[in-house]
C-alpha atoms as a PDB file:
ATOM      1  CA  MET A   1      19.819  -3.108  21.551  1.00  0.00           C
ATOM      2  CA  GLU A   2      19.491   0.551  22.437  1.00  0.00           C
ATOM      3  CA  ASP A   3      22.876   1.249  20.840  1.00  0.00           C
ATOM      4  CA  LEU A   4      21.351   0.560  17.418  1.00  0.00           C
ATOM      5  CA  PRO A   5      20.155   3.546  15.391  1.00  0.00           C
ATOM      6  CA  ASN A   6      16.403   4.157  15.844  1.00  0.00           C
ATOM      7  CA  ILE A   7      16.077   1.646  18.698  1.00  0.00           C
ATOM      8  CA  GLY A   8      14.974   3.059  22.030  1.00  0.00           C
ATOM      9  CA  PRO A   9      13.910   1.242  25.184  1.00  0.00           C
ATOM     10  CA  ALA A  10      10.380   0.407  23.973  1.00  0.00           C
ATOM     11  CA  MET A  11      11.510  -0.973  20.609  1.00  0.00           C
ATOM     12  CA  ALA A  12      14.323  -2.895  22.308  1.00  0.00           C
ATOM     13  CA  ALA A  13      11.746  -4.466  24.628  1.00  0.00           C
ATOM     14  CA  ASP A  14       9.627  -5.424  21.611  1.00  0.00           C
ATOM     15  CA  LEU A  15      12.612  -7.083  19.936  1.00  0.00           C
ATOM     16  CA  ARG A  16      13.462  -8.977  23.110  1.00  0.00           C
ATOM     17  CA  ALA A  17       9.834 -10.118  23.380  1.00  0.00           C
ATOM     18  CA  LEU A  18      10.258 -11.577  19.886  1.00  0.00           C
ATOM     19  CA  GLY A  19      13.291 -13.559  21.016  1.00  0.00           C
ATOM     20  CA  ILE A  20      16.006 -11.267  19.670  1.00  0.00           C
ATOM     21  CA  ALA A  21      18.691 -11.438  22.355  1.00  0.00           C
ATOM     22  CA  HIS A  22      21.535  -9.696  20.513  1.00  0.00           C
ATOM     23  CA  PRO A  23      21.581  -7.089  17.727  1.00  0.00           C
ATOM     24  CA  ARG A  24      23.638  -9.358  15.455  1.00  0.00           C
ATOM     25  CA  GLU A  25      20.594 -11.660  15.210  1.00  0.00           C
ATOM     26  CA  LEU A  26      18.804  -8.961  13.226  1.00  0.00           C
ATOM     27  CA  ALA A  27      21.152  -9.490  10.280  1.00  0.00           C
ATOM     28  CA  HIS A  28      19.471 -12.834   9.649  1.00  0.00           C
ATOM     29  CA  ARG A  29      15.877 -11.777  10.216  1.00  0.00           C
ATOM     30  CA  ASP A  30      13.196 -10.481   7.868  1.00  0.00           C
ATOM     31  CA  ALA A  31      11.801  -7.112   8.952  1.00  0.00           C
ATOM     32  CA  PHE A  32       8.291  -7.901   7.695  1.00  0.00           C
ATOM     33  CA  VAL A  33       8.221 -11.232   9.524  1.00  0.00           C
ATOM     34  CA  LEU A  34       9.329  -9.442  12.703  1.00  0.00           C
ATOM     35  CA  TYR A  35       6.558  -6.884  12.209  1.00  0.00           C
ATOM     36  CA  GLN A  36       3.929  -9.597  11.754  1.00  0.00           C
ATOM     37  CA  ALA A  37       5.237 -11.438  14.812  1.00  0.00           C
ATOM     38  CA  LEU A  38       5.020  -8.281  16.925  1.00  0.00           C
ATOM     39  CA  CYS A  39       1.445  -7.675  15.768  1.00  0.00           C
ATOM     40  CA  ALA A  40       0.563 -11.249  16.744  1.00  0.00           C
ATOM     41  CA  HIS A  41       2.428 -11.007  20.053  1.00  0.00           C
ATOM     42  CA  SER A  42       0.732  -7.750  21.037  1.00  0.00           C
ATOM     43  CA  GLY A  43      -2.659  -8.774  19.718  1.00  0.00           C
ATOM     44  CA  LYS A  44      -3.008  -5.567  17.722  1.00  0.00           C
ATOM     45  CA  ARG A  45      -1.842  -3.986  14.498  1.00  0.00           C
ATOM     46  CA  GLN A  46       1.339  -2.024  15.056  1.00  0.00           C
ATOM     47  CA  ASP A  47       1.941   1.330  13.430  1.00  0.00           C
ATOM     48  CA  PRO A  48       3.650   0.871  10.039  1.00  0.00           C
ATOM     49  CA  CYS A  49       6.570   3.004  11.265  1.00  0.00           C
ATOM     50  CA  VAL A  50       7.496  -0.015  13.405  1.00  0.00           C
ATOM     51  CA  LEU A  51       8.095  -1.938  10.174  1.00  0.00           C
ATOM     52  CA  ASP A  52      10.169   0.986   8.880  1.00  0.00           C
ATOM     53  CA  THR A  53      12.244   0.788  12.058  1.00  0.00           C
ATOM     54  CA  PHE A  54      12.715  -2.969  11.706  1.00  0.00           C
ATOM     55  CA  MET A  55      13.796  -2.440   8.081  1.00  0.00           C
ATOM     56  CA  ALA A  56      16.337   0.174   9.181  1.00  0.00           C
ATOM     57  CA  ALA A  57      17.688  -2.042  11.961  1.00  0.00           C
ATOM     58  CA  THR A  58      18.012  -5.195   9.853  1.00  0.00           C
ATOM     59  CA  ASP A  59      19.697  -3.271   7.035  1.00  0.00           C
ATOM     60  CA  PHE A  60      22.094  -1.634   9.493  1.00  0.00           C
ATOM     61  CA  MET A  61      23.062  -4.998  10.955  1.00  0.00           C
ATOM     62  CA  ARG A  62      23.726  -6.260   7.418  1.00  0.00           C
ATOM     63  CA  GLY A  63      26.239  -3.467   6.913  1.00  0.00           C
ATOM     64  CA  ALA A  64      24.198  -0.540   5.603  1.00  0.00           C
ATOM     65  CA  ALA A  65      24.954   2.957   6.807  1.00  0.00           C
ATOM     66  CA  PRO A  66      22.752   4.146   9.661  1.00  0.00           C
ATOM     67  CA  ALA A  67      19.613   5.841   8.379  1.00  0.00           C
ATOM     68  CA  PRO A  68      16.546   7.264  10.095  1.00  0.00           C
ATOM     69  CA  TRP A  69      13.560   4.932  10.108  1.00  0.00           C
ATOM     70  CA  TRP A  70      11.541   7.312   7.919  1.00  0.00           C
ATOM     71  CA  ALA A  71      14.068   6.816   5.131  1.00  0.00           C
ATOM     72  CA  TYR A  72      12.449   3.372   4.729  1.00  0.00           C
ATOM     73  CA  THR A  73       8.847   4.547   4.456  1.00  0.00           C
ATOM     74  CA  ALA A  74       8.762   4.759   0.652  1.00  0.00           C
ATOM     75  CA  GLN A  75      10.397   1.340   0.306  1.00  0.00           C
ATOM     76  CA  ARG A  76       7.949  -0.163   2.805  1.00  0.00           C
ATOM     77  CA  LYS A  77       4.970   1.259   0.926  1.00  0.00           C
ATOM     78  CA  LEU A  78       6.335  -0.054  -2.360  1.00  0.00           C
ATOM     79  CA  LEU A  79       7.010  -3.548  -0.994  1.00  0.00           C
ATOM     80  CA  TYR A  80       4.092  -4.021   1.388  1.00  0.00           C
ATOM     81  CA  GLY A  81       1.453  -1.432   0.533  1.00  0.00           C
ATOM     82  CA  SER A  82      -0.604  -0.401   3.519  1.00  0.00           C
ATOM     83  CA  VAL A  83       0.164  -2.922   6.227  1.00  0.00           C
END
């Protein structure tokens, strides 16, 4: 997981906790659903930048060019408001 852009050890551990065993699985997952699942799993609201990171990772695994997670902030705000 840590070979993916924007994914460090902590985020990789979060993805594994959500049942993501291989990066290719992200291509078929919804970033917002992953974010909600992580909030439920941890028992607390995660920072919205986590959703930005999930959006970047899922897009990358669907073939998009690598982009920093903050490149998704405006899109996240447009789609989901203040999560």
